[in-house]
Amino acid sequence: MGMGGSTVVVGWPLGVALVALVLLAVAASLVGRLGTGRATAVAAARAAVQLAAVATVILAVVRSWWATALFVLVMVGVATWTSARRMTGGRSGWNAGLAILGGSLPVVAVVLVSGAVPLTGIAVVPIAGIVIGGAMSATSVAGRRALDQLETRRGEYEAALSLGFLPRDAALLVVRGSATDALVPALDQTRTVGLVTLPGAFVGVLLGSGDPVRAGAAQVLVLIGLLAAETIAVLTAVELVARGRIRRDEPVPRPTLRERLRAGGRTR
């Protein structure tokens, strides 16, 4: 059912719309041979199940500060795991948590200490979730691109070392541009808000309260908070890559047939 006819109608129309949208995305992937059809369907199913579970749990969580803090820690843990997989898939990727926390913690602290958002569980959880999610995405993009740059521009990195640069400084010469690229989505979203997009925070507050001033204030707070969190997260991720704290393990070279014969091994 909807609220005043202005929000999403929960029922069979919603189910039909969701299935149709998933099929549309999968079909586009198949036509373009993108190879993301299965991943799209799985992601959509997970989103539906997870949000249904969270919607049930969150009402109980926000009544207790301990439960709220634990829930936020779970958010950070899942964000770290997701970003680590995107960047390296190895142990060093878990340092993504430093970038995510570095970006989200000061932003959430400023928002709460300033009194812009009430110090209640029902307010803290969504704000923290939005900021942590933004920091996670920015960390993943910045880290992946920085690692890619180090691989593809290895010659430039080694040339800088030969000129006397320290490893960190040589790496930063190569990967710093990836930080700017990672911030493009956040910058574009902030510049075009209200003209091209009407983000979720604005629409949610507007539909819930009917007050455009409160809706606009909430969205500006979210957008600028995200911009600050993502900027800090990107800088931290790039710094960690430059220092070798986040890296891709080089594959162990497999011995050639001749080397195995010389070692007395048998070929399969």
C-alpha atoms as a PDB file:
ATOM      1  CA  MET A   1       0.000   0.000   0.000  1.00  0.00           C
ATOM      2  CA  GLY A   2       1.156   3.573  -0.533  1.00  0.00           C
ATOM      3  CA  MET A   3       1.138   6.711   1.624  1.00  0.00           C
ATOM      4  CA  GLY A   4      -1.245   9.257   0.220  1.00  0.00           C
ATOM      5  CA  GLY A   5      -0.779   7.710  -3.223  1.00  0.00           C
ATOM      6  CA  SER A   6       2.652   9.345  -3.539  1.00  0.00           C
ATOM      7  CA  THR A   7       5.060   6.552  -2.651  1.00  0.00           C
ATOM      8  CA  VAL A   8       5.840   3.132  -4.059  1.00  0.00           C
ATOM      9  CA  VAL A   9       2.870   0.777  -4.034  1.00  0.00           C
ATOM     10  CA  VAL A  10       3.853  -2.438  -2.258  1.00  0.00           C
ATOM     11  CA  GLY A  11       2.146  -5.397  -3.902  1.00  0.00           C
ATOM     12  CA  TRP A  12       1.968  -7.238  -7.191  1.00  0.00           C
ATOM     13  CA  PRO A  13       2.592  -4.071  -9.301  1.00  0.00           C
ATOM     14  CA  LEU A  14       5.926  -3.632  -7.539  1.00  0.00           C
ATOM     15  CA  GLY A  15       6.821  -7.281  -8.146  1.00  0.00           C
ATOM     16  CA  VAL A  16       5.966  -7.001 -11.833  1.00  0.00           C
ATOM     17  CA  ALA A  17       8.017  -3.807 -12.174  1.00  0.00           C
ATOM     18  CA  LEU A  18      11.058  -5.318 -10.440  1.00  0.00           C
ATOM     19  CA  VAL A  19      11.016  -8.488 -12.540  1.00  0.00           C
ATOM     20  CA  ALA A  20      10.593  -6.445 -15.734  1.00  0.00           C
ATOM     21  CA  LEU A  21      13.496  -4.158 -14.817  1.00  0.00           C
ATOM     22  CA  VAL A  22      15.803  -7.084 -14.029  1.00  0.00           C
ATOM     23  CA  LEU A  23      14.895  -8.747 -17.326  1.00  0.00           C
ATOM     24  CA  LEU A  24      15.544  -5.465 -19.130  1.00  0.00           C
ATOM     25  CA  ALA A  25      19.010  -5.172 -17.593  1.00  0.00           C
ATOM     26  CA  VAL A  26      19.838  -8.828 -18.324  1.00  0.00           C
ATOM     27  CA  ALA A  27      18.608  -8.497 -21.909  1.00  0.00           C
ATOM     28  CA  ALA A  28      20.771  -5.405 -22.450  1.00  0.00           C
ATOM     29  CA  SER A  29      23.765  -7.305 -21.097  1.00  0.00           C
ATOM     30  CA  LEU A  30      23.109 -10.232 -23.444  1.00  0.00           C
ATOM     31  CA  VAL A  31      22.649  -8.016 -26.494  1.00  0.00           C
ATOM     32  CA  GLY A  32      25.845  -6.132 -25.737  1.00  0.00           C
ATOM     33  CA  ARG A  33      27.718  -9.296 -24.722  1.00  0.00           C
ATOM     34  CA  LEU A  34      28.786  -7.602 -21.508  1.00  0.00           C
ATOM     35  CA  GLY A  35      28.811 -10.841 -19.538  1.00  0.00           C
ATOM     36  CA  THR A  36      27.015  -9.284 -16.565  1.00  0.00           C
ATOM     37  CA  GLY A  37      23.581 -10.852 -16.989  1.00  0.00           C
ATOM     38  CA  ARG A  38      23.941 -13.465 -14.265  1.00  0.00           C
ATOM     39  CA  ALA A  39      25.656 -10.990 -11.918  1.00  0.00           C
ATOM     40  CA  THR A  40      22.806  -8.521 -12.459  1.00  0.00           C
ATOM     41  CA  ALA A  41      20.132 -11.087 -11.628  1.00  0.00           C
ATOM     42  CA  VAL A  42      22.012 -12.266  -8.528  1.00  0.00           C
ATOM     43  CA  ALA A  43      22.630  -8.682  -7.360  1.00  0.00           C
ATOM     44  CA  ALA A  44      18.932  -7.828  -7.775  1.00  0.00           C
ATOM     45  CA  ALA A  45      17.830 -10.916  -5.842  1.00  0.00           C
ATOM     46  CA  ARG A  46      20.324 -10.191  -3.067  1.00  0.00           C
ATOM     47  CA  ALA A  47      19.184  -6.571  -2.857  1.00  0.00           C
ATOM     48  CA  ALA A  48      15.554  -7.595  -2.439  1.00  0.00           C
ATOM     49  CA  VAL A  49      16.291 -10.221   0.218  1.00  0.00           C
ATOM     50  CA  GLN A  50      18.774  -8.069   2.118  1.00  0.00           C
ATOM     51  CA  LEU A  51      16.556  -4.992   2.195  1.00  0.00           C
ATOM     52  CA  ALA A  52      13.591  -7.054   3.343  1.00  0.00           C
ATOM     53  CA  ALA A  53      15.701  -8.490   6.167  1.00  0.00           C
ATOM     54  CA  VAL A  54      17.183  -5.110   7.092  1.00  0.00           C
ATOM     55  CA  ALA A  55      13.768  -3.442   7.104  1.00  0.00           C
ATOM     56  CA  THR A  56      12.621  -6.040   9.624  1.00  0.00           C
ATOM     57  CA  VAL A  57      15.714  -5.851  11.817  1.00  0.00           C
ATOM     58  CA  ILE A  58      16.376  -2.124  11.726  1.00  0.00           C
ATOM     59  CA  LEU A  59      13.278  -1.204  13.736  1.00  0.00           C
ATOM     60  CA  ALA A  60      14.657  -3.225  16.654  1.00  0.00           C
ATOM     61  CA  VAL A  61      18.239  -2.080  16.109  1.00  0.00           C
ATOM     62  CA  VAL A  62      17.566   1.649  16.330  1.00  0.00           C
ATOM     63  CA  ARG A  63      15.956   1.324  19.769  1.00  0.00           C
ATOM     64  CA  SER A  64      19.303   0.506  21.372  1.00  0.00           C
ATOM     65  CA  TRP A  65      22.548   2.451  21.069  1.00  0.00           C
ATOM     66  CA  TRP A  66      24.584  -0.734  21.467  1.00  0.00           C
ATOM     67  CA  ALA A  67      22.656  -2.412  18.672  1.00  0.00           C
ATOM     68  CA  THR A  68      23.007   0.708  16.523  1.00  0.00           C
ATOM     69  CA  ALA A  69      26.792   0.797  17.033  1.00  0.00           C
ATOM     70  CA  LEU A  70      27.058  -2.916  16.238  1.00  0.00           C
ATOM     71  CA  PHE A  71      24.987  -2.460  13.091  1.00  0.00           C
ATOM     72  CA  VAL A  72      27.257   0.369  11.900  1.00  0.00           C
ATOM     73  CA  LEU A  73      30.320  -1.824  12.559  1.00  0.00           C
ATOM     74  CA  VAL A  74      28.750  -4.553  10.446  1.00  0.00           C
ATOM     75  CA  MET A  75      28.291  -1.982   7.681  1.00  0.00           C
ATOM     76  CA  VAL A  76      31.981  -1.076   7.861  1.00  0.00           C
ATOM     77  CA  GLY A  77      32.998  -4.738   7.839  1.00  0.00           C
ATOM     78  CA  VAL A  78      30.903  -5.598   4.799  1.00  0.00           C
ATOM     79  CA  ALA A  79      32.106  -2.455   3.003  1.00  0.00           C
ATOM     80  CA  THR A  80      35.735  -3.377   3.725  1.00  0.00           C
ATOM     81  CA  TRP A  81      35.248  -6.944   2.505  1.00  0.00           C
ATOM     82  CA  THR A  82      33.532  -5.767  -0.678  1.00  0.00           C
ATOM     83  CA  SER A  83      36.186  -3.160  -1.468  1.00  0.00           C
ATOM     84  CA  ALA A  84      39.019  -5.592  -0.688  1.00  0.00           C
ATOM     85  CA  ARG A  85      37.613  -8.109  -3.170  1.00  0.00           C
ATOM     86  CA  ARG A  86      37.245  -5.454  -5.827  1.00  0.00           C
ATOM     87  CA  MET A  87      40.815  -4.229  -5.489  1.00  0.00           C
ATOM     88  CA  THR A  88      43.051  -7.214  -4.837  1.00  0.00           C
ATOM     89  CA  GLY A  89      41.252 -10.273  -3.544  1.00  0.00           C
ATOM     90  CA  GLY A  90      44.210 -10.731  -1.183  1.00  0.00           C
ATOM     91  CA  ARG A  91      45.042  -9.855   2.406  1.00  0.00           C
ATOM     92  CA  SER A  92      46.432  -6.437   1.571  1.00  0.00           C
ATOM     93  CA  GLY A  93      43.009  -5.449   0.259  1.00  0.00           C
ATOM     94  CA  TRP A  94      41.671  -5.432   3.816  1.00  0.00           C
ATOM     95  CA  ASN A  95      43.533  -2.162   4.318  1.00  0.00           C
ATOM     96  CA  ALA A  96      40.628  -0.703   2.371  1.00  0.00           C
ATOM     97  CA  GLY A  97      38.968  -0.476   5.775  1.00  0.00           C
ATOM     98  CA  LEU A  98      41.414   2.283   6.708  1.00  0.00           C
ATOM     99  CA  ALA A  99      40.303   4.359   3.728  1.00  0.00           C
ATOM    100  CA  ILE A 100      36.606   3.692   4.351  1.00  0.00           C
ATOM    101  CA  LEU A 101      36.853   4.575   8.046  1.00  0.00           C
ATOM    102  CA  GLY A 102      39.111   7.534   7.315  1.00  0.00           C
ATOM    103  CA  GLY A 103      36.501   8.973   4.995  1.00  0.00           C
ATOM    104  CA  SER A 104      33.303   8.140   6.850  1.00  0.00           C
ATOM    105  CA  LEU A 105      34.236   8.601  10.510  1.00  0.00           C
ATOM    106  CA  PRO A 106      35.005  12.350  10.480  1.00  0.00           C
ATOM    107  CA  VAL A 107      31.959  13.104   8.325  1.00  0.00           C
ATOM    108  CA  VAL A 108      29.547  11.231  10.597  1.00  0.00           C
ATOM    109  CA  ALA A 109      31.208  12.837  13.625  1.00  0.00           C
ATOM    110  CA  VAL A 110      30.795  16.376  12.232  1.00  0.00           C
ATOM    111  CA  VAL A 111      27.164  15.743  11.283  1.00  0.00           C
ATOM    112  CA  LEU A 112      26.293  14.425  14.753  1.00  0.00           C
ATOM    113  CA  VAL A 113      28.362  16.842  16.850  1.00  0.00           C
ATOM    114  CA  SER A 114      27.034  19.845  14.945  1.00  0.00           C
ATOM    115  CA  GLY A 115      23.468  18.793  15.720  1.00  0.00           C
ATOM    116  CA  ALA A 116      22.500  18.778  12.037  1.00  0.00           C
ATOM    117  CA  VAL A 117      21.206  15.233  12.559  1.00  0.00           C
ATOM    118  CA  PRO A 118      19.628  14.182  15.874  1.00  0.00           C
ATOM    119  CA  LEU A 119      21.601  11.745  17.985  1.00  0.00           C
ATOM    120  CA  THR A 120      19.118   8.928  17.619  1.00  0.00           C
ATOM    121  CA  GLY A 121      19.475   5.473  16.133  1.00  0.00           C
ATOM    122  CA  ILE A 122      16.827   6.049  13.471  1.00  0.00           C
ATOM    123  CA  ALA A 123      18.849   9.031  12.187  1.00  0.00           C
ATOM    124  CA  VAL A 124      22.388   7.693  12.674  1.00  0.00           C
ATOM    125  CA  VAL A 125      21.938   4.390  10.834  1.00  0.00           C
ATOM    126  CA  PRO A 126      20.817   5.801   7.458  1.00  0.00           C
ATOM    127  CA  ILE A 127      23.325   8.656   7.508  1.00  0.00           C
ATOM    128  CA  ALA A 128      26.175   6.308   8.422  1.00  0.00           C
ATOM    129  CA  GLY A 129      25.045   3.838   5.768  1.00  0.00           C
ATOM    130  CA  ILE A 130      25.009   6.457   3.019  1.00  0.00           C
ATOM    131  CA  VAL A 131      28.428   7.834   3.956  1.00  0.00           C
ATOM    132  CA  ILE A 132      30.060   4.405   4.400  1.00  0.00           C
ATOM    133  CA  GLY A 133      28.613   3.253   1.085  1.00  0.00           C
ATOM    134  CA  GLY A 134      30.005   6.274  -0.717  1.00  0.00           C
ATOM    135  CA  ALA A 135      33.422   5.853   0.891  1.00  0.00           C
ATOM    136  CA  MET A 136      33.405   2.171  -0.093  1.00  0.00           C
ATOM    137  CA  SER A 137      32.665   2.897  -3.754  1.00  0.00           C
ATOM    138  CA  ALA A 138      35.273   5.645  -3.940  1.00  0.00           C
ATOM    139  CA  THR A 139      37.887   3.447  -2.274  1.00  0.00           C
ATOM    140  CA  SER A 140      37.229   0.568  -4.666  1.00  0.00           C
ATOM    141  CA  VAL A 141      37.462   2.737  -7.779  1.00  0.00           C
ATOM    142  CA  ALA A 142      40.527   4.678  -6.635  1.00  0.00           C
ATOM    143  CA  GLY A 143      42.358   1.558  -5.455  1.00  0.00           C
ATOM    144  CA  ARG A 144      41.658  -0.452  -8.607  1.00  0.00           C
ATOM    145  CA  ARG A 145      42.671   2.356 -10.921  1.00  0.00           C
ATOM    146  CA  ALA A 146      45.811   3.122  -8.937  1.00  0.00           C
ATOM    147  CA  LEU A 147      46.859  -0.532  -9.041  1.00  0.00           C
ATOM    148  CA  ASP A 148      46.101  -0.671 -12.765  1.00  0.00           C
ATOM    149  CA  GLN A 149      48.218   2.421 -13.334  1.00  0.00           C
ATOM    150  CA  LEU A 150      51.153   0.886 -11.493  1.00  0.00           C
ATOM    151  CA  GLU A 151      50.946  -2.169 -13.736  1.00  0.00           C
ATOM    152  CA  THR A 152      50.491  -0.451 -17.077  1.00  0.00           C
ATOM    153  CA  ARG A 153      52.956   2.375 -16.394  1.00  0.00           C
ATOM    154  CA  ARG A 154      55.593   0.273 -14.702  1.00  0.00           C
ATOM    155  CA  GLY A 155      58.310   1.800 -16.864  1.00  0.00           C
ATOM    156  CA  GLU A 156      57.540   5.307 -15.645  1.00  0.00           C
ATOM    157  CA  TYR A 157      57.603   4.120 -12.041  1.00  0.00           C
ATOM    158  CA  GLU A 158      60.998   2.456 -12.501  1.00  0.00           C
ATOM    159  CA  ALA A 159      62.319   5.515 -14.359  1.00  0.00           C
ATOM    160  CA  ALA A 160      61.367   7.696 -11.386  1.00  0.00           C
ATOM    161  CA  LEU A 161      63.174   5.294  -9.055  1.00  0.00           C
ATOM    162  CA  SER A 162      66.280   5.483 -11.216  1.00  0.00           C
ATOM    163  CA  LEU A 163      66.177   9.273 -10.869  1.00  0.00           C
ATOM    164  CA  GLY A 164      66.362   8.959  -7.093  1.00  0.00           C
ATOM    165  CA  PHE A 165      62.685   9.149  -6.119  1.00  0.00           C
ATOM    166  CA  LEU A 166      61.584   7.177  -3.090  1.00  0.00           C
ATOM    167  CA  PRO A 167      59.190   4.295  -3.900  1.00  0.00           C
ATOM    168  CA  ARG A 168      56.200   6.160  -2.443  1.00  0.00           C
ATOM    169  CA  ASP A 169      56.924   9.354  -4.374  1.00  0.00           C
ATOM    170  CA  ALA A 170      57.573   7.448  -7.598  1.00  0.00           C
ATOM    171  CA  ALA A 171      54.277   5.598  -7.207  1.00  0.00           C
ATOM    172  CA  LEU A 172      52.355   8.812  -6.515  1.00  0.00           C
ATOM    173  CA  LEU A 173      53.662  10.324  -9.753  1.00  0.00           C
ATOM    174  CA  VAL A 174      52.007   7.452 -11.589  1.00  0.00           C
ATOM    175  CA  VAL A 175      48.772   6.921  -9.630  1.00  0.00           C
ATOM    176  CA  ARG A 176      47.741  10.408  -8.487  1.00  0.00           C
ATOM    177  CA  GLY A 177      45.527  10.918 -11.547  1.00  0.00           C
ATOM    178  CA  SER A 178      43.399   7.951 -10.532  1.00  0.00           C
ATOM    179  CA  ALA A 179      42.253   9.909  -7.476  1.00  0.00           C
ATOM    180  CA  THR A 180      40.719  12.609  -9.660  1.00  0.00           C
ATOM    181  CA  ASP A 181      38.970  10.013 -11.820  1.00  0.00           C
ATOM    182  CA  ALA A 182      37.464   8.312  -8.767  1.00  0.00           C
ATOM    183  CA  LEU A 183      35.869  11.576  -7.603  1.00  0.00           C
ATOM    184  CA  VAL A 184      34.195  12.406 -10.930  1.00  0.00           C
ATOM    185  CA  PRO A 185      30.845  10.692 -10.087  1.00  0.00           C
ATOM    186  CA  ALA A 186      30.542  12.462  -6.726  1.00  0.00           C
ATOM    187  CA  LEU A 187      31.445  15.825  -8.245  1.00  0.00           C
ATOM    188  CA  ASP A 188      29.006  15.407 -11.136  1.00  0.00           C
ATOM    189  CA  GLN A 189      26.189  14.325  -8.821  1.00  0.00           C
ATOM    190  CA  THR A 190      26.752  17.340  -6.575  1.00  0.00           C
ATOM    191  CA  ARG A 191      26.954  19.787  -9.479  1.00  0.00           C
ATOM    192  CA  THR A 192      23.787  18.548 -11.200  1.00  0.00           C
ATOM    193  CA  VAL A 193      21.539  17.795  -8.231  1.00  0.00           C
ATOM    194  CA  GLY A 194      18.054  19.154  -8.813  1.00  0.00           C
ATOM    195  CA  LEU A 195      18.789  19.755 -12.497  1.00  0.00           C
ATOM    196  CA  VAL A 196      19.500  16.226 -13.694  1.00  0.00           C
ATOM    197  CA  THR A 197      18.860  13.991 -10.695  1.00  0.00           C
ATOM    198  CA  LEU A 198      16.584  14.009  -7.646  1.00  0.00           C
ATOM    199  CA  PRO A 199      18.493  11.772  -5.203  1.00  0.00           C
ATOM    200  CA  GLY A 200      16.904   9.452  -2.671  1.00  0.00           C
ATOM    201  CA  ALA A 201      17.370  11.585   0.433  1.00  0.00           C
ATOM    202  CA  PHE A 202      15.565  14.524  -1.196  1.00  0.00           C
ATOM    203  CA  VAL A 203      12.691  12.425  -2.533  1.00  0.00           C
ATOM    204  CA  GLY A 204      12.337  10.454   0.713  1.00  0.00           C
ATOM    205  CA  VAL A 205      12.117  13.507   2.966  1.00  0.00           C
ATOM    206  CA  LEU A 206       9.867  15.335   0.505  1.00  0.00           C
ATOM    207  CA  LEU A 207       7.397  12.457   0.289  1.00  0.00           C
ATOM    208  CA  GLY A 208       7.531  11.817   4.022  1.00  0.00           C
ATOM    209  CA  SER A 209       7.146  15.406   5.229  1.00  0.00           C
ATOM    210  CA  GLY A 210       5.888  17.371   2.267  1.00  0.00           C
ATOM    211  CA  ASP A 211       8.372  20.115   3.200  1.00  0.00           C
ATOM    212  CA  PRO A 212      10.678  21.044   0.272  1.00  0.00           C
ATOM    213  CA  VAL A 213      12.976  23.092   2.521  1.00  0.00           C
ATOM    214  CA  ARG A 214      13.681  20.136   4.820  1.00  0.00           C
ATOM    215  CA  ALA A 215      14.082  17.863   1.803  1.00  0.00           C
ATOM    216  CA  GLY A 216      16.593  20.209   0.191  1.00  0.00           C
ATOM    217  CA  ALA A 217      18.525  20.650   3.440  1.00  0.00           C
ATOM    218  CA  ALA A 218      18.752  16.897   3.951  1.00  0.00           C
ATOM    219  CA  GLN A 219      20.009  16.324   0.411  1.00  0.00           C
ATOM    220  CA  VAL A 220      22.618  19.094   0.558  1.00  0.00           C
ATOM    221  CA  LEU A 221      23.907  17.643   3.833  1.00  0.00           C
ATOM    222  CA  VAL A 222      24.133  14.173   2.295  1.00  0.00           C
ATOM    223  CA  LEU A 223      25.821  15.323  -0.924  1.00  0.00           C
ATOM    224  CA  ILE A 224      28.456  17.488   0.740  1.00  0.00           C
ATOM    225  CA  GLY A 225      29.055  14.831   3.389  1.00  0.00           C
ATOM    226  CA  LEU A 226      29.542  12.244   0.649  1.00  0.00           C
ATOM    227  CA  LEU A 227      31.904  14.535  -1.233  1.00  0.00           C
ATOM    228  CA  ALA A 228      34.032  15.027   1.880  1.00  0.00           C
ATOM    229  CA  ALA A 229      34.004  11.331   2.804  1.00  0.00           C
ATOM    230  CA  GLU A 230      34.859  10.177  -0.709  1.00  0.00           C
ATOM    231  CA  THR A 231      37.646  12.733  -1.095  1.00  0.00           C
ATOM    232  CA  ILE A 232      39.313  11.562   2.119  1.00  0.00           C
ATOM    233  CA  ALA A 233      38.750   7.903   1.245  1.00  0.00           C
ATOM    234  CA  VAL A 234      40.253   8.331  -2.235  1.00  0.00           C
ATOM    235  CA  LEU A 235      43.336  10.141  -0.937  1.00  0.00           C
ATOM    236  CA  THR A 236      43.825   7.463   1.719  1.00  0.00           C
ATOM    237  CA  ALA A 237      43.393   4.607  -0.775  1.00  0.00           C
ATOM    238  CA  VAL A 238      45.889   6.125  -3.219  1.00  0.00           C
ATOM    239  CA  GLU A 239      48.363   6.722  -0.390  1.00  0.00           C
ATOM    240  CA  LEU A 240      48.038   3.106   0.751  1.00  0.00           C
ATOM    241  CA  VAL A 241      48.670   1.893  -2.804  1.00  0.00           C
ATOM    242  CA  ALA A 242      51.694   4.175  -3.142  1.00  0.00           C
ATOM    243  CA  ARG A 243      53.117   2.845   0.127  1.00  0.00           C
ATOM    244  CA  GLY A 244      52.535  -0.759  -0.915  1.00  0.00           C
ATOM    245  CA  ARG A 245      49.976  -1.388   1.831  1.00  0.00           C
ATOM    246  CA  ILE A 246      47.442  -2.287  -0.850  1.00  0.00           C
ATOM    247  CA  ARG A 247      48.975  -4.323  -3.640  1.00  0.00           C
ATOM    248  CA  ARG A 248      48.312  -7.158  -6.014  1.00  0.00           C
ATOM    249  CA  ASP A 249      50.411 -10.204  -5.340  1.00  0.00           C
ATOM    250  CA  GLU A 250      52.494 -11.068  -8.368  1.00  0.00           C
ATOM    251  CA  PRO A 251      51.668 -14.512  -9.761  1.00  0.00           C
ATOM    252  CA  VAL A 252      54.267 -17.191  -9.130  1.00  0.00           C
ATOM    253  CA  PRO A 253      55.896 -17.971 -12.488  1.00  0.00           C
ATOM    254  CA  ARG A 254      55.294 -21.523 -13.637  1.00  0.00           C
ATOM    255  CA  PRO A 255      58.417 -23.465 -14.680  1.00  0.00           C
ATOM    256  CA  THR A 256      58.782 -24.171 -18.367  1.00  0.00           C
ATOM    257  CA  LEU A 257      58.877 -27.699 -19.775  1.00  0.00           C
ATOM    258  CA  ARG A 258      62.646 -27.505 -20.224  1.00  0.00           C
ATOM    259  CA  GLU A 259      63.114 -26.371 -16.612  1.00  0.00           C
ATOM    260  CA  ARG A 260      60.984 -29.244 -15.322  1.00  0.00           C
ATOM    261  CA  LEU A 261      62.910 -31.757 -17.415  1.00  0.00           C
ATOM    262  CA  ARG A 262      66.191 -30.406 -16.092  1.00  0.00           C
ATOM    263  CA  ALA A 263      64.847 -30.694 -12.545  1.00  0.00           C
ATOM    264  CA  GLY A 264      63.942 -34.302 -13.187  1.00  0.00           C
ATOM    265  CA  GLY A 265      60.196 -33.696 -12.980  1.00  0.00           C
ATOM    266  CA  ARG A 266      57.665 -35.514 -15.083  1.00  0.00           C
ATOM    267  CA  THR A 267      55.292 -33.684 -17.380  1.00  0.00           C
ATOM    268  CA  ARG A 268      51.617 -34.406 -17.207  1.00  0.00           C
END
